[in-house]
Amino acid sequence: MAPKQVWQTLREGMSRRGSGFTGAVIGLSIGLLWVTFGFFKMLFILILGAIGYYVGAKYFSQPDAIRSLFDRLFPPGKFR
């Protein structure tokens, strides 16, 4: 099964089961991260995940937004 199909199947399954199941999966994931890596490493992973979600939702949903982000970070014309 292709990775895209796996994620789609998981998303559909979680939406059918409701918010309690989704919360349980999130809680289990956080608990496994805590046991595996410890508190501060887990916190670091969650913070990076939240930053990645924010950047993906804000900038990658609009093609022009990512270009303006790069123009603010790097001088226009210097790296392109």
PDB file of N, CA and C in Angstrom:
ATOM      1  N   MET A   1       0.838  -1.170   0.000  1.00  0.00           N
ATOM      2  CA  MET A   1       0.000   0.000   0.000  1.00  0.00           C
ATOM      3  C   MET A   1       0.891   1.244   0.000  1.00  0.00           C
ATOM      4  N   ALA A   2       0.572   2.193  -0.825  1.00  0.00           N
ATOM      5  CA  ALA A   2       1.360   3.422  -0.939  1.00  0.00           C
ATOM      6  C   ALA A   2       1.187   4.278   0.314  1.00  0.00           C
ATOM      7  N   PRO A   3       2.217   5.052   0.673  1.00  0.00           N
ATOM      8  CA  PRO A   3       2.125   5.889   1.881  1.00  0.00           C
ATOM      9  C   PRO A   3       0.940   6.852   1.868  1.00  0.00           C
ATOM     10  N   LYS A   4       0.607   7.370   0.695  1.00  0.00           N
ATOM     11  CA  LYS A   4      -0.514   8.297   0.612  1.00  0.00           C
ATOM     12  C   LYS A   4      -1.824   7.591   0.962  1.00  0.00           C
ATOM     13  N   GLN A   5      -1.954   6.339   0.530  1.00  0.00           N
ATOM     14  CA  GLN A   5      -3.155   5.573   0.842  1.00  0.00           C
ATOM     15  C   GLN A   5      -3.223   5.236   2.326  1.00  0.00           C
ATOM     16  N   VAL A   6      -2.073   4.967   2.936  1.00  0.00           N
ATOM     17  CA  VAL A   6      -2.044   4.658   4.361  1.00  0.00           C
ATOM     18  C   VAL A   6      -2.530   5.856   5.166  1.00  0.00           C
ATOM     19  N   TRP A   7      -2.014   7.047   4.857  1.00  0.00           N
ATOM     20  CA  TRP A   7      -2.427   8.248   5.584  1.00  0.00           C
ATOM     21  C   TRP A   7      -3.898   8.543   5.360  1.00  0.00           C
ATOM     22  N   GLN A   8      -4.372   8.334   4.135  1.00  0.00           N
ATOM     23  CA  GLN A   8      -5.781   8.581   3.841  1.00  0.00           C
ATOM     24  C   GLN A   8      -6.666   7.612   4.622  1.00  0.00           C
ATOM     25  N   THR A   9      -6.268   6.352   4.695  1.00  0.00           N
ATOM     26  CA  THR A   9      -7.026   5.364   5.449  1.00  0.00           C
ATOM     27  C   THR A   9      -7.047   5.707   6.935  1.00  0.00           C
ATOM     28  N   LEU A  10      -5.893   6.121   7.487  1.00  0.00           N
ATOM     29  CA  LEU A  10      -5.835   6.527   8.896  1.00  0.00           C
ATOM     30  C   LEU A  10      -6.723   7.740   9.162  1.00  0.00           C
ATOM     31  N   ARG A  11      -6.682   8.717   8.270  1.00  0.00           N
ATOM     32  CA  ARG A  11      -7.490   9.925   8.441  1.00  0.00           C
ATOM     33  C   ARG A  11      -8.980   9.594   8.417  1.00  0.00           C
ATOM     34  N   GLU A  12      -9.391   8.736   7.474  1.00  0.00           N
ATOM     35  CA  GLU A  12     -10.796   8.355   7.397  1.00  0.00           C
ATOM     36  C   GLU A  12     -11.225   7.562   8.627  1.00  0.00           C
ATOM     37  N   GLY A  13     -10.364   6.665   9.096  1.00  0.00           N
ATOM     38  CA  GLY A  13     -10.680   5.878  10.280  1.00  0.00           C
ATOM     39  C   GLY A  13     -10.822   6.729  11.520  1.00  0.00           C
ATOM     40  N   MET A  14      -9.944   7.711  11.657  1.00  0.00           N
ATOM     41  CA  MET A  14     -10.005   8.587  12.829  1.00  0.00           C
ATOM     42  C   MET A  14     -11.227   9.493  12.784  1.00  0.00           C
ATOM     43  N   SER A  15     -11.637   9.928  11.598  1.00  0.00           N
ATOM     44  CA  SER A  15     -12.803  10.806  11.507  1.00  0.00           C
ATOM     45  C   SER A  15     -14.091  10.026  11.773  1.00  0.00           C
ATOM     46  N   ARG A  16     -14.120   8.742  11.446  1.00  0.00           N
ATOM     47  CA  ARG A  16     -15.310   7.930  11.701  1.00  0.00           C
ATOM     48  C   ARG A  16     -15.466   7.605  13.177  1.00  0.00           C
ATOM     49  N   ARG A  17     -14.367   7.448  13.890  1.00  0.00           N
ATOM     50  CA  ARG A  17     -14.434   7.011  15.290  1.00  0.00           C
ATOM     51  C   ARG A  17     -14.692   8.166  16.247  1.00  0.00           C
ATOM     52  N   GLY A  18     -14.473   9.375  15.844  1.00  0.00           N
ATOM     53  CA  GLY A  18     -14.785  10.517  16.687  1.00  0.00           C
ATOM     54  C   GLY A  18     -13.574  11.094  17.403  1.00  0.00           C
ATOM     55  N   SER A  19     -13.852  12.121  18.189  1.00  0.00           N
ATOM     56  CA  SER A  19     -12.779  12.875  18.824  1.00  0.00           C
ATOM     57  C   SER A  19     -12.140  12.119  19.982  1.00  0.00           C
ATOM     58  N   GLY A  20     -12.864  11.229  20.638  1.00  0.00           N
ATOM     59  CA  GLY A  20     -12.282  10.457  21.732  1.00  0.00           C
ATOM     60  C   GLY A  20     -11.157   9.560  21.258  1.00  0.00           C
ATOM     61  N   PHE A  21     -11.359   8.906  20.133  1.00  0.00           N
ATOM     62  CA  PHE A  21     -10.326   8.036  19.561  1.00  0.00           C
ATOM     63  C   PHE A  21      -9.124   8.855  19.121  1.00  0.00           C
ATOM     64  N   THR A  22      -9.378  10.001  18.506  1.00  0.00           N
ATOM     65  CA  THR A  22      -8.290  10.874  18.072  1.00  0.00           C
ATOM     66  C   THR A  22      -7.467  11.338  19.274  1.00  0.00           C
ATOM     67  N   GLY A  23      -8.140  11.732  20.343  1.00  0.00           N
ATOM     68  CA  GLY A  23      -7.440  12.146  21.554  1.00  0.00           C
ATOM     69  C   GLY A  23      -6.628  11.016  22.161  1.00  0.00           C
ATOM     70  N   ALA A  24      -7.174   9.805  22.113  1.00  0.00           N
ATOM     71  CA  ALA A  24      -6.444   8.651  22.644  1.00  0.00           C
ATOM     72  C   ALA A  24      -5.184   8.370  21.831  1.00  0.00           C
ATOM     73  N   VAL A  25      -5.275   8.483  20.520  1.00  0.00           N
ATOM     74  CA  VAL A  25      -4.111   8.254  19.661  1.00  0.00           C
ATOM     75  C   VAL A  25      -3.046   9.314  19.918  1.00  0.00           C
ATOM     76  N   ILE A  26      -3.463  10.552  20.059  1.00  0.00           N
ATOM     77  CA  ILE A  26      -2.511  11.629  20.336  1.00  0.00           C
ATOM     78  C   ILE A  26      -1.871  11.417  21.704  1.00  0.00           C
ATOM     79  N   GLY A  27      -2.666  11.065  22.708  1.00  0.00           N
ATOM     80  CA  GLY A  27      -2.130  10.809  24.039  1.00  0.00           C
ATOM     81  C   GLY A  27      -1.167   9.640  24.059  1.00  0.00           C
ATOM     82  N   LEU A  28      -1.503   8.583  23.344  1.00  0.00           N
ATOM     83  CA  LEU A  28      -0.613   7.428  23.253  1.00  0.00           C
ATOM     84  C   LEU A  28       0.699   7.808  22.577  1.00  0.00           C
ATOM     85  N   SER A  29       0.616   8.594  21.516  1.00  0.00           N
ATOM     86  CA  SER A  29       1.826   9.024  20.810  1.00  0.00           C
ATOM     87  C   SER A  29       2.722   9.865  21.717  1.00  0.00           C
ATOM     88  N   ILE A  30       2.132  10.790  22.446  1.00  0.00           N
ATOM     89  CA  ILE A  30       2.917  11.629  23.350  1.00  0.00           C
ATOM     90  C   ILE A  30       3.521  10.784  24.463  1.00  0.00           C
ATOM     91  N   GLY A  31       2.750   9.839  24.984  1.00  0.00           N
ATOM     92  CA  GLY A  31       3.277   8.965  26.026  1.00  0.00           C
ATOM     93  C   GLY A  31       4.438   8.117  25.542  1.00  0.00           C
ATOM     94  N   LEU A  32       4.328   7.590  24.331  1.00  0.00           N
ATOM     95  CA  LEU A  32       5.434   6.801  23.774  1.00  0.00           C
ATOM     96  C   LEU A  32       6.666   7.656  23.541  1.00  0.00           C
ATOM     97  N   LEU A  33       6.472   8.881  23.077  1.00  0.00           N
ATOM     98  CA  LEU A  33       7.608   9.786  22.906  1.00  0.00           C
ATOM     99  C   LEU A  33       8.279  10.066  24.247  1.00  0.00           C
ATOM    100  N   TRP A  34       7.481  10.282  25.288  1.00  0.00           N
ATOM    101  CA  TRP A  34       8.013  10.584  26.611  1.00  0.00           C
ATOM    102  C   TRP A  34       8.827   9.420  27.157  1.00  0.00           C
ATOM    103  N   VAL A  35       8.277   8.211  27.033  1.00  0.00           N
ATOM    104  CA  VAL A  35       8.980   7.035  27.550  1.00  0.00           C
ATOM    105  C   VAL A  35      10.249   6.758  26.748  1.00  0.00           C
ATOM    106  N   THR A  36      10.177   6.940  25.437  1.00  0.00           N
ATOM    107  CA  THR A  36      11.305   6.629  24.579  1.00  0.00           C
ATOM    108  C   THR A  36      12.432   7.647  24.699  1.00  0.00           C
ATOM    109  N   PHE A  37      12.096   8.933  24.665  1.00  0.00           N
ATOM    110  CA  PHE A  37      13.123   9.968  24.587  1.00  0.00           C
ATOM    111  C   PHE A  37      13.319  10.767  25.871  1.00  0.00           C
ATOM    112  N   GLY A  38      12.384  10.767  26.773  1.00  0.00           N
ATOM    113  CA  GLY A  38      12.451  11.624  27.947  1.00  0.00           C
ATOM    114  C   GLY A  38      11.658  12.896  27.714  1.00  0.00           C
ATOM    115  N   PHE A  39      11.454  13.652  28.795  1.00  0.00           N
ATOM    116  CA  PHE A  39      10.549  14.803  28.715  1.00  0.00           C
ATOM    117  C   PHE A  39      11.049  15.908  27.788  1.00  0.00           C
ATOM    118  N   PHE A  40      12.295  16.341  27.954  1.00  0.00           N
ATOM    119  CA  PHE A  40      12.767  17.500  27.196  1.00  0.00           C
ATOM    120  C   PHE A  40      12.964  17.201  25.716  1.00  0.00           C
ATOM    121  N   LYS A  41      13.402  15.992  25.395  1.00  0.00           N
ATOM    122  CA  LYS A  41      13.511  15.625  23.981  1.00  0.00           C
ATOM    123  C   LYS A  41      12.129  15.508  23.350  1.00  0.00           C
ATOM    124  N   MET A  42      11.159  14.971  24.118  1.00  0.00           N
ATOM    125  CA  MET A  42       9.790  14.894  23.620  1.00  0.00           C
ATOM    126  C   MET A  42       9.239  16.295  23.376  1.00  0.00           C
ATOM    127  N   LEU A  43       9.490  17.201  24.313  1.00  0.00           N
ATOM    128  CA  LEU A  43       9.025  18.572  24.166  1.00  0.00           C
ATOM    129  C   LEU A  43       9.643  19.225  22.928  1.00  0.00           C
ATOM    130  N   PHE A  44      10.921  18.989  22.707  1.00  0.00           N
ATOM    131  CA  PHE A  44      11.604  19.518  21.524  1.00  0.00           C
ATOM    132  C   PHE A  44      10.966  18.976  20.242  1.00  0.00           C
ATOM    133  N   ILE A  45      10.680  17.675  20.210  1.00  0.00           N
ATOM    134  CA  ILE A  45      10.053  17.063  19.034  1.00  0.00           C
ATOM    135  C   ILE A  45       8.667  17.655  18.794  1.00  0.00           C
ATOM    136  N   LEU A  46       7.883  17.827  19.859  1.00  0.00           N
ATOM    137  CA  LEU A  46       6.540  18.397  19.711  1.00  0.00           C
ATOM    138  C   LEU A  46       6.577  19.849  19.251  1.00  0.00           C
ATOM    139  N   ILE A  47       7.540  20.621  19.758  1.00  0.00           N
ATOM    140  CA  ILE A  47       7.661  22.020  19.336  1.00  0.00           C
ATOM    141  C   ILE A  47       8.041  22.102  17.861  1.00  0.00           C
ATOM    142  N   LEU A  48       9.002  21.282  17.438  1.00  0.00           N
ATOM    143  CA  LEU A  48       9.366  21.281  16.020  1.00  0.00           C
ATOM    144  C   LEU A  48       8.213  20.818  15.142  1.00  0.00           C
ATOM    145  N   GLY A  49       7.444  19.861  15.619  1.00  0.00           N
ATOM    146  CA  GLY A  49       6.266  19.415  14.878  1.00  0.00           C
ATOM    147  C   GLY A  49       5.232  20.517  14.734  1.00  0.00           C
ATOM    148  N   ALA A  50       5.014  21.277  15.809  1.00  0.00           N
ATOM    149  CA  ALA A  50       4.063  22.387  15.763  1.00  0.00           C
ATOM    150  C   ALA A  50       4.548  23.486  14.815  1.00  0.00           C
ATOM    151  N   ILE A  51       5.846  23.777  14.847  1.00  0.00           N
ATOM    152  CA  ILE A  51       6.406  24.775  13.925  1.00  0.00           C
ATOM    153  C   ILE A  51       6.259  24.304  12.487  1.00  0.00           C
ATOM    154  N   GLY A  52       6.538  23.029  12.250  1.00  0.00           N
ATOM    155  CA  GLY A  52       6.378  22.477  10.903  1.00  0.00           C
ATOM    156  C   GLY A  52       4.941  22.530  10.422  1.00  0.00           C
ATOM    157  N   TYR A  53       4.004  22.251  11.314  1.00  0.00           N
ATOM    158  CA  TYR A  53       2.588  22.340  10.944  1.00  0.00           C
ATOM    159  C   TYR A  53       2.208  23.773  10.597  1.00  0.00           C
ATOM    160  N   TYR A  54       2.663  24.719  11.401  1.00  0.00           N
ATOM    161  CA  TYR A  54       2.346  26.124  11.172  1.00  0.00           C
ATOM    162  C   TYR A  54       2.906  26.606   9.835  1.00  0.00           C
ATOM    163  N   VAL A  55       4.166  26.300   9.590  1.00  0.00           N
ATOM    164  CA  VAL A  55       4.798  26.716   8.332  1.00  0.00           C
ATOM    165  C   VAL A  55       4.110  26.052   7.145  1.00  0.00           C
ATOM    166  N   GLY A  56       3.804  24.779   7.270  1.00  0.00           N
ATOM    167  CA  GLY A  56       3.140  24.084   6.179  1.00  0.00           C
ATOM    168  C   GLY A  56       1.752  24.631   5.901  1.00  0.00           C
ATOM    169  N   ALA A  57       0.994  24.915   6.960  1.00  0.00           N
ATOM    170  CA  ALA A  57      -0.362  25.422   6.777  1.00  0.00           C
ATOM    171  C   ALA A  57      -0.367  26.850   6.259  1.00  0.00           C
ATOM    172  N   LYS A  58       0.572  27.667   6.734  1.00  0.00           N
ATOM    173  CA  LYS A  58       0.565  29.073   6.349  1.00  0.00           C
ATOM    174  C   LYS A  58       1.225  29.330   5.002  1.00  0.00           C
ATOM    175  N   TYR A  59       2.382  28.702   4.766  1.00  0.00           N
ATOM    176  CA  TYR A  59       3.164  29.072   3.597  1.00  0.00           C
ATOM    177  C   TYR A  59       3.023  28.113   2.421  1.00  0.00           C
ATOM    178  N   PHE A  60       2.888  26.841   2.664  1.00  0.00           N
ATOM    179  CA  PHE A  60       2.876  25.909   1.544  1.00  0.00           C
ATOM    180  C   PHE A  60       1.499  25.732   0.930  1.00  0.00           C
ATOM    181  N   SER A  61       0.452  26.276   1.558  1.00  0.00           N
ATOM    182  CA  SER A  61      -0.872  26.211   0.959  1.00  0.00           C
ATOM    183  C   SER A  61      -1.036  27.260  -0.142  1.00  0.00           C
ATOM    184  N   GLN A  62      -0.199  28.297  -0.121  1.00  0.00           N
ATOM    185  CA  GLN A  62      -0.239  29.353  -1.131  1.00  0.00           C
ATOM    186  C   GLN A  62       1.145  29.483  -1.761  1.00  0.00           C
ATOM    187  N   PRO A  63       1.258  29.237  -3.058  1.00  0.00           N
ATOM    188  CA  PRO A  63       2.583  29.279  -3.696  1.00  0.00           C
ATOM    189  C   PRO A  63       3.276  30.648  -3.596  1.00  0.00           C
ATOM    190  N   ASP A  64       2.526  31.721  -3.639  1.00  0.00           N
ATOM    191  CA  ASP A  64       3.145  33.045  -3.565  1.00  0.00           C
ATOM    192  C   ASP A  64       3.645  33.371  -2.159  1.00  0.00           C
ATOM    193  N   ALA A  65       3.055  32.757  -1.155  1.00  0.00           N
ATOM    194  CA  ALA A  65       3.459  33.036   0.221  1.00  0.00           C
ATOM    195  C   ALA A  65       4.865  32.509   0.495  1.00  0.00           C
ATOM    196  N   ILE A  66       5.206  31.360  -0.042  1.00  0.00           N
ATOM    197  CA  ILE A  66       6.544  30.811   0.176  1.00  0.00           C
ATOM    198  C   ILE A  66       7.596  31.651  -0.535  1.00  0.00           C
ATOM    199  N   ARG A  67       7.252  32.180  -1.695  1.00  0.00           N
ATOM    200  CA  ARG A  67       8.179  33.061  -2.412  1.00  0.00           C
ATOM    201  C   ARG A  67       8.421  34.343  -1.621  1.00  0.00           C
ATOM    202  N   SER A  68       7.363  34.902  -1.034  1.00  0.00           N
ATOM    203  CA  SER A  68       7.543  36.125  -0.239  1.00  0.00           C
ATOM    204  C   SER A  68       8.331  35.834   1.040  1.00  0.00           C
ATOM    205  N   LEU A  69       8.166  34.630   1.610  1.00  0.00           N
ATOM    206  CA  LEU A  69       8.957  34.252   2.782  1.00  0.00           C
ATOM    207  C   LEU A  69      10.435  34.198   2.421  1.00  0.00           C
ATOM    208  N   PHE A  70      10.766  33.555   1.299  1.00  0.00           N
ATOM    209  CA  PHE A  70      12.164  33.484   0.866  1.00  0.00           C
ATOM    210  C   PHE A  70      12.712  34.868   0.531  1.00  0.00           C
ATOM    211  N   ASP A  71      11.880  35.740  -0.028  1.00  0.00           N
ATOM    212  CA  ASP A  71      12.338  37.100  -0.327  1.00  0.00           C
ATOM    213  C   ASP A  71      12.642  37.879   0.954  1.00  0.00           C
ATOM    214  N   ARG A  72      11.890  37.597   2.030  1.00  0.00           N
ATOM    215  CA  ARG A  72      12.171  38.261   3.304  1.00  0.00           C
ATOM    216  C   ARG A  72      13.417  37.683   3.970  1.00  0.00           C
ATOM    217  N   LEU A  73      13.628  36.368   3.831  1.00  0.00           N
ATOM    218  CA  LEU A  73      14.786  35.736   4.465  1.00  0.00           C
ATOM    219  C   LEU A  73      16.084  35.993   3.712  1.00  0.00           C
ATOM    220  N   PHE A  74      16.013  35.947   2.394  1.00  0.00           N
ATOM    221  CA  PHE A  74      17.195  36.129   1.549  1.00  0.00           C
ATOM    222  C   PHE A  74      16.942  37.317   0.630  1.00  0.00           C
ATOM    223  N   PRO A  75      17.957  38.091   0.330  1.00  0.00           N
ATOM    224  CA  PRO A  75      17.769  39.225  -0.587  1.00  0.00           C
ATOM    225  C   PRO A  75      17.319  38.728  -1.967  1.00  0.00           C
ATOM    226  N   PRO A  76      16.319  39.379  -2.548  1.00  0.00           N
ATOM    227  CA  PRO A  76      15.832  38.952  -3.873  1.00  0.00           C
ATOM    228  C   PRO A  76      16.928  39.032  -4.921  1.00  0.00           C
ATOM    229  N   GLY A  77      17.019  38.014  -5.727  1.00  0.00           N
ATOM    230  CA  GLY A  77      18.004  37.977  -6.801  1.00  0.00           C
ATOM    231  C   GLY A  77      19.357  37.454  -6.394  1.00  0.00           C
ATOM    232  N   LYS A  78      19.629  37.362  -5.126  1.00  0.00           N
ATOM    233  CA  LYS A  78      20.950  36.921  -4.675  1.00  0.00           C
ATOM    234  C   LYS A  78      21.122  35.409  -4.844  1.00  0.00           C
ATOM    235  N   PHE A  79      20.073  34.636  -4.537  1.00  0.00           N
ATOM    236  CA  PHE A  79      20.182  33.186  -4.591  1.00  0.00           C
ATOM    237  C   PHE A  79      19.350  32.563  -5.697  1.00  0.00           C
ATOM    238  N   ARG A  80      18.663  33.358  -6.470  1.00  0.00           N
ATOM    239  CA  ARG A  80      17.860  32.814  -7.578  1.00  0.00           C
ATOM    240  C   ARG A  80      18.352  33.356  -8.876  1.00  0.00           C
TER     241      ARG A  80
END
